[in-house]
C-alpha atoms as a PDB file:
ATOM      1  CA  UNK A   1     110.472 117.014  87.554  1.00  0.00           C
ATOM      2  CA  UNK A   2     111.053 113.264  87.694  1.00  0.00           C
ATOM      3  CA  UNK A   3     109.574 111.465  84.688  1.00  0.00           C
ATOM      4  CA  UNK A   4     111.037 108.392  82.979  1.00  0.00           C
ATOM      5  CA  UNK A   5     109.237 109.003  79.663  1.00  0.00           C
ATOM      6  CA  UNK A   6     111.624 111.473  78.037  1.00  0.00           C
ATOM      7  CA  UNK A   7     109.070 112.686  75.481  1.00  0.00           C
ATOM      8  CA  UNK A   8     106.546 113.534  78.206  1.00  0.00           C
ATOM      9  CA  UNK A   9     109.277 115.112  80.332  1.00  0.00           C
ATOM     10  CA  UNK A  10     110.457 117.380  77.524  1.00  0.00           C
ATOM     11  CA  UNK A  11     106.906 118.375  76.571  1.00  0.00           C
ATOM     12  CA  UNK A  12     105.967 119.237  80.149  1.00  0.00           C
ATOM     13  CA  UNK A  13     109.298 120.966  80.713  1.00  0.00           C
ATOM     14  CA  UNK A  14     108.800 123.090  77.615  1.00  0.00           C
ATOM     15  CA  UNK A  15     105.359 124.266  78.756  1.00  0.00           C
ATOM     16  CA  UNK A  16     106.575 124.986  82.288  1.00  0.00           C
ATOM     17  CA  UNK A  17     109.537 126.970  80.997  1.00  0.00           C
ATOM     18  CA  UNK A  18     107.261 128.957  78.687  1.00  0.00           C
ATOM     19  CA  UNK A  19     105.177 129.744  81.775  1.00  0.00           C
ATOM     20  CA  UNK A  20     108.265 131.196  83.459  1.00  0.00           C
ATOM     21  CA  UNK A  21     109.477 128.266  85.559  1.00  0.00           C
ATOM     22  CA  UNK A  22     113.011 126.916  85.711  1.00  0.00           C
ATOM     23  CA  UNK A  23     112.832 123.133  85.355  1.00  0.00           C
ATOM     24  CA  UNK A  24     115.365 120.514  86.414  1.00  0.00           C
ATOM     25  CA  UNK A  25     114.556 117.194  84.710  1.00  0.00           C
ATOM     26  CA  UNK A  26     115.367 113.724  85.993  1.00  0.00           C
ATOM     27  CA  UNK A  27     114.562 110.441  84.245  1.00  0.00           C
ATOM     28  CA  UNK A  28     115.058 108.336  87.398  1.00  0.00           C
ATOM     29  CA  UNK A  29     114.978 108.914  91.144  1.00  0.00           C
ATOM     30  CA  UNK A  30     118.710 108.281  91.635  1.00  0.00           C
ATOM     31  CA  UNK A  31     120.056 111.797  92.295  1.00  0.00           C
ATOM     32  CA  UNK A  32     116.899 113.724  93.014  1.00  0.00           C
ATOM     33  CA  UNK A  33     117.214 114.030  96.800  1.00  0.00           C
ATOM     34  CA  UNK A  34     120.939 114.772  96.726  1.00  0.00           C
ATOM     35  CA  UNK A  35     120.489 117.619  94.240  1.00  0.00           C
ATOM     36  CA  UNK A  36     117.319 118.896  95.904  1.00  0.00           C
ATOM     37  CA  UNK A  37     118.993 119.204  99.294  1.00  0.00           C
ATOM     38  CA  UNK A  38     121.825 121.206  97.672  1.00  0.00           C
ATOM     39  CA  UNK A  39     119.405 123.365  95.660  1.00  0.00           C
ATOM     40  CA  UNK A  40     115.852 123.101  97.078  1.00  0.00           C
ATOM     41  CA  UNK A  41     113.112 123.470  94.439  1.00  0.00           C
ATOM     42  CA  UNK A  42     109.834 125.339  94.786  1.00  0.00           C
ATOM     43  CA  UNK A  43     107.930 122.146  93.926  1.00  0.00           C
ATOM     44  CA  UNK A  44     108.446 118.460  93.068  1.00  0.00           C
ATOM     45  CA  UNK A  45     106.647 116.930  90.071  1.00  0.00           C
ATOM     46  CA  UNK A  46     106.937 113.129  90.406  1.00  0.00           C
ATOM     47  CA  UNK A  47     105.951 110.266  88.150  1.00  0.00           C
ATOM     48  CA  UNK A  48     104.715 107.346  90.236  1.00  0.00           C
ATOM     49  CA  UNK A  49     106.357 104.541  88.211  1.00  0.00           C
ATOM     50  CA  UNK A  50     110.100 105.179  87.937  1.00  0.00           C
ATOM     51  CA  UNK A  51     113.165 103.109  87.058  1.00  0.00           C
ATOM     52  CA  UNK A  52     115.460 102.709  90.035  1.00  0.00           C
ATOM     53  CA  UNK A  53     112.808 103.697  92.549  1.00  0.00           C
ATOM     54  CA  UNK A  54     109.071 104.149  92.986  1.00  0.00           C
ATOM     55  CA  UNK A  55     107.814 107.764  92.921  1.00  0.00           C
ATOM     56  CA  UNK A  56     105.748 107.110  96.033  1.00  0.00           C
ATOM     57  CA  UNK A  57     108.878 106.015  97.898  1.00  0.00           C
ATOM     58  CA  UNK A  58     110.627 109.162  96.711  1.00  0.00           C
ATOM     59  CA  UNK A  59     107.723 111.221  98.078  1.00  0.00           C
ATOM     60  CA  UNK A  60     108.029 109.449 101.436  1.00  0.00           C
ATOM     61  CA  UNK A  61     111.761 110.223 101.529  1.00  0.00           C
ATOM     62  CA  UNK A  62     111.028 113.868 100.735  1.00  0.00           C
ATOM     63  CA  UNK A  63     108.538 113.996 103.602  1.00  0.00           C
ATOM     64  CA  UNK A  64     111.112 112.508 105.977  1.00  0.00           C
ATOM     65  CA  UNK A  65     113.749 115.069 104.992  1.00  0.00           C
ATOM     66  CA  UNK A  66     114.075 117.998 107.401  1.00  0.00           C
ATOM     67  CA  UNK A  67     115.209 120.233 104.527  1.00  0.00           C
ATOM     68  CA  UNK A  68     112.578 119.199 101.978  1.00  0.00           C
ATOM     69  CA  UNK A  69     109.444 118.006 103.770  1.00  0.00           C
ATOM     70  CA  UNK A  70     107.523 121.296 103.439  1.00  0.00           C
ATOM     71  CA  UNK A  71     108.079 121.578  99.674  1.00  0.00           C
ATOM     72  CA  UNK A  72     104.882 120.751  97.740  1.00  0.00           C
ATOM     73  CA  UNK A  73     104.703 117.513  95.740  1.00  0.00           C
ATOM     74  CA  UNK A  74     102.521 116.755  92.716  1.00  0.00           C
ATOM     75  CA  UNK A  75     102.196 113.199  91.434  1.00  0.00           C
ATOM     76  CA  UNK A  76     101.934 112.419  87.709  1.00  0.00           C
ATOM     77  CA  UNK A  77     100.519 108.956  87.099  1.00  0.00           C
ATOM     78  CA  UNK A  78      98.485 106.714  84.842  1.00  0.00           C
ATOM     79  CA  UNK A  79      96.741 105.305  87.921  1.00  0.00           C
ATOM     80  CA  UNK A  80      93.419 107.123  87.953  1.00  0.00           C
ATOM     81  CA  UNK A  81      91.171 105.364  90.467  1.00  0.00           C
ATOM     82  CA  UNK A  82      89.768 107.216  93.462  1.00  0.00           C
ATOM     83  CA  UNK A  83      91.637 104.813  95.752  1.00  0.00           C
ATOM     84  CA  UNK A  84      94.942 105.635  94.023  1.00  0.00           C
ATOM     85  CA  UNK A  85      94.314 109.379  94.391  1.00  0.00           C
ATOM     86  CA  UNK A  86      93.497 109.046  98.081  1.00  0.00           C
ATOM     87  CA  UNK A  87      96.589 106.886  98.598  1.00  0.00           C
ATOM     88  CA  UNK A  88      98.705 109.566  96.915  1.00  0.00           C
ATOM     89  CA  UNK A  89      97.336 112.291  99.171  1.00  0.00           C
ATOM     90  CA  UNK A  90      97.854 110.116 102.232  1.00  0.00           C
ATOM     91  CA  UNK A  91     101.521 109.774 101.292  1.00  0.00           C
ATOM     92  CA  UNK A  92     101.811 113.547 101.494  1.00  0.00           C
ATOM     93  CA  UNK A  93     101.224 114.681  97.914  1.00  0.00           C
ATOM     94  CA  UNK A  94      99.627 118.104  97.423  1.00  0.00           C
ATOM     95  CA  UNK A  95      98.001 117.220  94.102  1.00  0.00           C
ATOM     96  CA  UNK A  96      97.553 114.161  91.902  1.00  0.00           C
ATOM     97  CA  UNK A  97      97.415 114.511  88.114  1.00  0.00           C
ATOM     98  CA  UNK A  98      96.432 111.531  85.985  1.00  0.00           C
ATOM     99  CA  UNK A  99      97.718 110.732  82.507  1.00  0.00           C
ATOM    100  CA  UNK A 100      96.862 111.631  79.833  1.00  0.00           C
ATOM    101  CA  UNK A 101      96.744 115.298  80.797  1.00  0.00           C
ATOM    102  CA  UNK A 102      96.785 118.642  79.057  1.00  0.00           C
ATOM    103  CA  UNK A 103     100.136 120.453  79.510  1.00  0.00           C
ATOM    104  CA  UNK A 104      98.150 123.672  79.913  1.00  0.00           C
ATOM    105  CA  UNK A 105      96.128 122.120  82.739  1.00  0.00           C
ATOM    106  CA  UNK A 106      99.309 120.847  84.380  1.00  0.00           C
ATOM    107  CA  UNK A 107     100.816 124.355  84.339  1.00  0.00           C
ATOM    108  CA  UNK A 108      97.603 125.716  85.873  1.00  0.00           C
ATOM    109  CA  UNK A 109      97.708 123.134  88.642  1.00  0.00           C
ATOM    110  CA  UNK A 110     101.384 123.802  89.397  1.00  0.00           C
ATOM    111  CA  UNK A 111     100.518 127.486  89.758  1.00  0.00           C
ATOM    112  CA  UNK A 112      97.514 126.626  91.937  1.00  0.00           C
ATOM    113  CA  UNK A 113      99.626 124.548  94.340  1.00  0.00           C
ATOM    114  CA  UNK A 114     102.283 127.260  94.568  1.00  0.00           C
ATOM    115  CA  UNK A 115      99.625 129.939  95.205  1.00  0.00           C
ATOM    116  CA  UNK A 116      98.433 127.889  98.137  1.00  0.00           C
ATOM    117  CA  UNK A 117     101.632 128.717  99.994  1.00  0.00           C
ATOM    118  CA  UNK A 118     101.528 132.460  99.387  1.00  0.00           C
ATOM    119  CA  UNK A 119      98.737 133.248 101.870  1.00  0.00           C
ATOM    120  CA  UNK A 120      99.619 134.905 105.161  1.00  0.00           C
ATOM    121  CA  UNK A 121      99.952 132.874 108.321  1.00  0.00           C
ATOM    122  CA  UNK A 122      99.073 134.073 111.833  1.00  0.00           C
ATOM    123  CA  UNK A 123     101.841 136.364 113.180  1.00  0.00           C
ATOM    124  CA  UNK A 124     102.141 134.770 116.628  1.00  0.00           C
ATOM    125  CA  UNK A 125     102.479 131.159 117.801  1.00  0.00           C
ATOM    126  CA  UNK A 126      99.191 129.475 118.635  1.00  0.00           C
ATOM    127  CA  UNK A 127      99.262 127.427 121.835  1.00  0.00           C
ATOM    128  CA  UNK A 128      96.495 125.087 122.977  1.00  0.00           C
ATOM    129  CA  UNK A 129      97.221 122.740 125.849  1.00  0.00           C
ATOM    130  CA  UNK A 130     100.225 120.687 124.752  1.00  0.00           C
ATOM    131  CA  UNK A 131      99.874 121.754 121.118  1.00  0.00           C
ATOM    132  CA  UNK A 132     101.975 124.609 119.702  1.00  0.00           C
ATOM    133  CA  UNK A 133     101.703 125.936 116.139  1.00  0.00           C
ATOM    134  CA  UNK A 134     104.550 128.295 115.204  1.00  0.00           C
ATOM    135  CA  UNK A 135     103.958 130.122 111.887  1.00  0.00           C
ATOM    136  CA  UNK A 136     107.439 131.652 111.696  1.00  0.00           C
ATOM    137  CA  UNK A 137     109.273 128.330 111.709  1.00  0.00           C
ATOM    138  CA  UNK A 138     106.243 126.388 110.367  1.00  0.00           C
ATOM    139  CA  UNK A 139     106.729 123.907 113.194  1.00  0.00           C
ATOM    140  CA  UNK A 140     104.113 121.953 115.102  1.00  0.00           C
ATOM    141  CA  UNK A 141     104.973 120.682 118.568  1.00  0.00           C
ATOM    142  CA  UNK A 142     103.019 118.208 120.661  1.00  0.00           C
ATOM    143  CA  UNK A 143     104.043 118.150 124.326  1.00  0.00           C
ATOM    144  CA  UNK A 144     107.231 119.963 123.328  1.00  0.00           C
ATOM    145  CA  UNK A 145     108.183 117.442 120.640  1.00  0.00           C
ATOM    146  CA  UNK A 146     108.357 118.558 117.000  1.00  0.00           C
ATOM    147  CA  UNK A 147     105.906 116.755 114.727  1.00  0.00           C
ATOM    148  CA  UNK A 148     106.732 116.688 111.015  1.00  0.00           C
ATOM    149  CA  UNK A 149     104.018 118.192 108.802  1.00  0.00           C
ATOM    150  CA  UNK A 150     103.828 119.054 105.144  1.00  0.00           C
ATOM    151  CA  UNK A 151     103.165 122.655 104.138  1.00  0.00           C
ATOM    152  CA  UNK A 152      99.553 121.847 103.252  1.00  0.00           C
ATOM    153  CA  UNK A 153      98.997 120.084 106.574  1.00  0.00           C
ATOM    154  CA  UNK A 154     100.497 123.024 108.448  1.00  0.00           C
ATOM    155  CA  UNK A 155      98.352 125.594 106.656  1.00  0.00           C
ATOM    156  CA  UNK A 156      95.195 123.576 107.217  1.00  0.00           C
ATOM    157  CA  UNK A 157      95.924 123.216 110.946  1.00  0.00           C
ATOM    158  CA  UNK A 158      96.885 126.895 111.326  1.00  0.00           C
ATOM    159  CA  UNK A 159      93.752 128.024 109.488  1.00  0.00           C
ATOM    160  CA  UNK A 160      91.418 126.034 111.748  1.00  0.00           C
ATOM    161  CA  UNK A 161      93.323 126.987 114.901  1.00  0.00           C
ATOM    162  CA  UNK A 162      93.167 130.727 114.132  1.00  0.00           C
ATOM    163  CA  UNK A 163      89.411 130.620 114.636  1.00  0.00           C
ATOM    164  CA  UNK A 164      88.789 128.024 117.355  1.00  0.00           C
ATOM    165  CA  UNK A 165      85.236 126.801 117.873  1.00  0.00           C
ATOM    166  CA  UNK A 166      84.191 128.032 114.440  1.00  0.00           C
ATOM    167  CA  UNK A 167      82.700 125.320 112.231  1.00  0.00           C
ATOM    168  CA  UNK A 168      84.110 125.238 108.702  1.00  0.00           C
ATOM    169  CA  UNK A 169      82.444 123.378 105.873  1.00  0.00           C
ATOM    170  CA  UNK A 170      84.713 121.402 103.580  1.00  0.00           C
ATOM    171  CA  UNK A 171      84.036 123.973 100.857  1.00  0.00           C
ATOM    172  CA  UNK A 172      85.198 126.807 103.137  1.00  0.00           C
ATOM    173  CA  UNK A 173      88.364 124.890 104.017  1.00  0.00           C
ATOM    174  CA  UNK A 174      89.114 124.303 100.343  1.00  0.00           C
ATOM    175  CA  UNK A 175      88.614 127.981  99.510  1.00  0.00           C
ATOM    176  CA  UNK A 176      90.842 129.127 102.378  1.00  0.00           C
ATOM    177  CA  UNK A 177      93.654 126.582 102.236  1.00  0.00           C
ATOM    178  CA  UNK A 178      93.710 125.216  98.699  1.00  0.00           C
ATOM    179  CA  UNK A 179      92.785 128.545  97.013  1.00  0.00           C
ATOM    180  CA  UNK A 180      92.165 127.245  93.488  1.00  0.00           C
ATOM    181  CA  UNK A 181      89.619 124.468  93.991  1.00  0.00           C
ATOM    182  CA  UNK A 182      89.013 123.591  90.345  1.00  0.00           C
ATOM    183  CA  UNK A 183      91.081 120.395  90.616  1.00  0.00           C
ATOM    184  CA  UNK A 184      90.621 119.533  94.291  1.00  0.00           C
ATOM    185  CA  UNK A 185      87.839 117.392  95.723  1.00  0.00           C
ATOM    186  CA  UNK A 186      86.134 117.636  99.103  1.00  0.00           C
ATOM    187  CA  UNK A 187      87.622 114.232  99.930  1.00  0.00           C
ATOM    188  CA  UNK A 188      91.052 115.881 100.058  1.00  0.00           C
ATOM    189  CA  UNK A 189      90.002 117.767 103.193  1.00  0.00           C
ATOM    190  CA  UNK A 190      89.027 114.512 104.921  1.00  0.00           C
ATOM    191  CA  UNK A 191      92.348 112.908 103.991  1.00  0.00           C
ATOM    192  CA  UNK A 192      94.372 115.792 105.426  1.00  0.00           C
ATOM    193  CA  UNK A 193      92.283 115.983 108.593  1.00  0.00           C
ATOM    194  CA  UNK A 194      92.906 112.278 109.139  1.00  0.00           C
ATOM    195  CA  UNK A 195      96.659 112.719 108.583  1.00  0.00           C
ATOM    196  CA  UNK A 196      96.772 115.620 111.046  1.00  0.00           C
ATOM    197  CA  UNK A 197      94.862 113.670 113.681  1.00  0.00           C
ATOM    198  CA  UNK A 198      97.400 110.860 113.425  1.00  0.00           C
ATOM    199  CA  UNK A 199     100.161 113.382 114.090  1.00  0.00           C
ATOM    200  CA  UNK A 200      98.744 115.648 116.813  1.00  0.00           C
ATOM    201  CA  UNK A 201      96.046 113.664 118.617  1.00  0.00           C
ATOM    202  CA  UNK A 202      96.735 111.304 121.499  1.00  0.00           C
ATOM    203  CA  UNK A 203      93.849 109.182 120.219  1.00  0.00           C
ATOM    204  CA  UNK A 204      93.036 109.923 116.548  1.00  0.00           C
ATOM    205  CA  UNK A 205      89.760 108.003 116.871  1.00  0.00           C
ATOM    206  CA  UNK A 206      88.656 110.269 119.726  1.00  0.00           C
ATOM    207  CA  UNK A 207      90.221 113.623 118.778  1.00  0.00           C
ATOM    208  CA  UNK A 208      90.711 116.440 121.257  1.00  0.00           C
ATOM    209  CA  UNK A 209      91.516 119.232 118.802  1.00  0.00           C
ATOM    210  CA  UNK A 210      90.184 118.427 115.303  1.00  0.00           C
ATOM    211  CA  UNK A 211      86.491 117.752 115.769  1.00  0.00           C
ATOM    212  CA  UNK A 212      84.080 116.494 113.128  1.00  0.00           C
ATOM    213  CA  UNK A 213      80.729 118.283 113.150  1.00  0.00           C
ATOM    214  CA  UNK A 214      78.393 115.807 111.502  1.00  0.00           C
ATOM    215  CA  UNK A 215      76.563 117.164 108.493  1.00  0.00           C
ATOM    216  CA  UNK A 216      78.561 120.396 108.611  1.00  0.00           C
ATOM    217  CA  UNK A 217      82.353 120.053 108.558  1.00  0.00           C
ATOM    218  CA  UNK A 218      85.154 120.545 111.077  1.00  0.00           C
ATOM    219  CA  UNK A 219      86.086 122.792 113.983  1.00  0.00           C
ATOM    220  CA  UNK A 220      89.184 123.284 116.112  1.00  0.00           C
ATOM    221  CA  UNK A 221      88.550 122.716 119.809  1.00  0.00           C
ATOM    222  CA  UNK A 222      90.609 125.256 121.767  1.00  0.00           C
ATOM    223  CA  UNK A 223      91.379 123.550 125.058  1.00  0.00           C
ATOM    224  CA  UNK A 224      93.817 125.745 126.956  1.00  0.00           C
END
């Protein structure tokens, strides 16, 4: 947890520890990546406004790290507009919690994000044209080149690709990929689809794989 307000940090840390988590607290971003690469956490909890470094920049550095990029990230912030939430998700966050918040709700949302990564993935690599999705290594390759994805992005892509041609509503995607949907909006699905298109599609504006079905949802187009 990276939170510059020491009172908030200790309160949140206390509730997380009571819930059974081991918490490493930081009051600035200075040593977070160094320590995390030595001892990778199950999840990052990041304040957006930090001394010595912006929490959003720290999230970007996490997502660029080969060792850390698949670890879930939750933002804690006083910025509560819809635009701020979408911006946080587009940076690669897996959830976005606005202040003030209930410590009990925060614990529930940490558990919800961690549960998201417990579901089974397909046992064999999925190959479609120049796209390869390998569940064992959690790697995505486009034309043989590895494309960096977050864990949420990978699970969303793998879920759609397991059942090509099937149309999924946003609600069905949330239920399957996000699991606990109490704190997640349908807009989150759109944000992640857009991020995936930018990573795997030759032309994100005219996608080959991730197709929008107007008035319904999304489907994966299985071109061999």
